[in-house]
Amino acid sequence: MSGGAKSSGALSGLKVIDLTRMLAGPYCTMMLADLGAEVLKVEPIGGDPIRNFGPWSSDDRLKVLGGYFQSINRGKKSIVLDYRKPEGREVLKRMVVDADVIVENFRVGVMDRFGLSYESLREINPKLIYGSVRGFGDPRTGASPYMNRPAYDVVVQAMGGLMSVTGPSADQPMKVGPGIGDIVPAMMLAIGILAAAWHAQRTGEGQFVDVAMYDGVLSLCERIIYQYTLQGTVPVPEGNSVSFICPYDLFPASDGWVAIAAPTDNHWAELARVMGTPELGTDPRFATNNARVRHAPEVRSMIGEWTKARSKREIVDLLDGVPCGPVNTAPDILDDPHIKQRDMIARLEHPGLDRPLPVVGSPIKMTGTPTAVRQRAALLGEHSESILAALGYNHDQIAKLASDGVVVLNHPVANKKG
């Protein structure tokens, strides 16, 4: 659906308090918002740090929402609250009373020191689901010796095994481009929260849900463990190939690169036919996957000679019956009819721009309760006053909270004019 879609999602009625910042936590709560949950983003006085990260368009007059923040905080409301102060903690506790979920991604013990631990908040709301995503998890679910260490995407990609099998060769491990050390654990936390919500609906019991970023990346790399325990070999980077499937690789085109995978004998026979060498489909050196693996350099050379004389589009069209796809850039993706038909680009209002901002939409498609990017990311503190009023604070009480620096109602950045 477009950025202006207003239909109720499957999680309509689920109230989420979002204390997260940076990437992992906000991505988790973004998924819940796209599915229809009401997400109240509680930000510190200066806001989530990524508000200031950009990137910015050259024609953005205001620069109040960077692309990074807009993309993963769409569909949420924003309240600015200093819960280091007792009055701020009281506001947060009021929010918890009728909330279903609270999510945070601070280091171990931060919320406990504020008197806002899972155990304390459970006393207020026994049905509360408390979700956390940290580098090395929480001692409630397993006290890692690393639990007090900070972590970022690059750290957990390294530790979780992903870099050990990524790169051009065994001598050059490499980070994967997207921040999947944050995003994969975020997705897993969203799944855990939904499972806990189902349990709470049936039993009235909330619980603590925890995902360690390290664990999330390891689960993504599950193959390397059984390869080692079964064969005694340590998997290493193999470039764009897979050691036990051939062909399964990138090949040069006249205008870029294409990925071709022909793991089954039928796929290989079709690929050989299209290349004009149907006899290779029955040649004992290549007829089976195991045979092709033994002759992998020769197989890759033959395919590469054929592909490099053709464009990406020509190769993909010719190999209609073989798993094949172009290496797409961002412009390629935006122009792809699949992306348009699947509604994978949402267009959001972006303060400071005279045009909508395209961002990636939700890949989760549902027929009865469609997912949607329902609104742009909130300006800092944009909903502070309305959230406080809904909690029962009157005008004078809200004004005092603001004058005491507990909340921000009219943040100068949020109200910057072009």
Foldseek 3Di string as FASTA:
>chain_A
DALADDFAFPQAPAEEEEAEADFQRLQLVLVVLLRHYAYEYEAEPVGRVCQQVADDDPQQQQSLGHPRCFQRQFRYHAWYFDLLDVVRVVLVLLVLLPHQEYEYEDAEPPCVVSVNDPVSSCVNAQNYAYEYEAQAKYVVVPDDPCRRPHDFLVRLCVLLCVQQAADQDQVGGDDDDDSCLRHQQSNVRSVVSVVQSVVCVVPVGYDYHMDHSNVSSNVVVVVQVCCCVVPVDGHGHNHQCDLQFPPFGWAAALVAIKTFGQRALVLVLLVCVLLVRNVQSVPVCRVHGNSCSVVVVVRRVSVNVSRHDHHQVVVCVSSVVTDMHGPDDPVRLVPDVVCVVQVQWYFADDRRDPGTDTYGRDPDQDDPRGRHSNHTRARHNACNVVSVVVSPDDPVRSVVCCVVVRIPRCDCSNPDDD
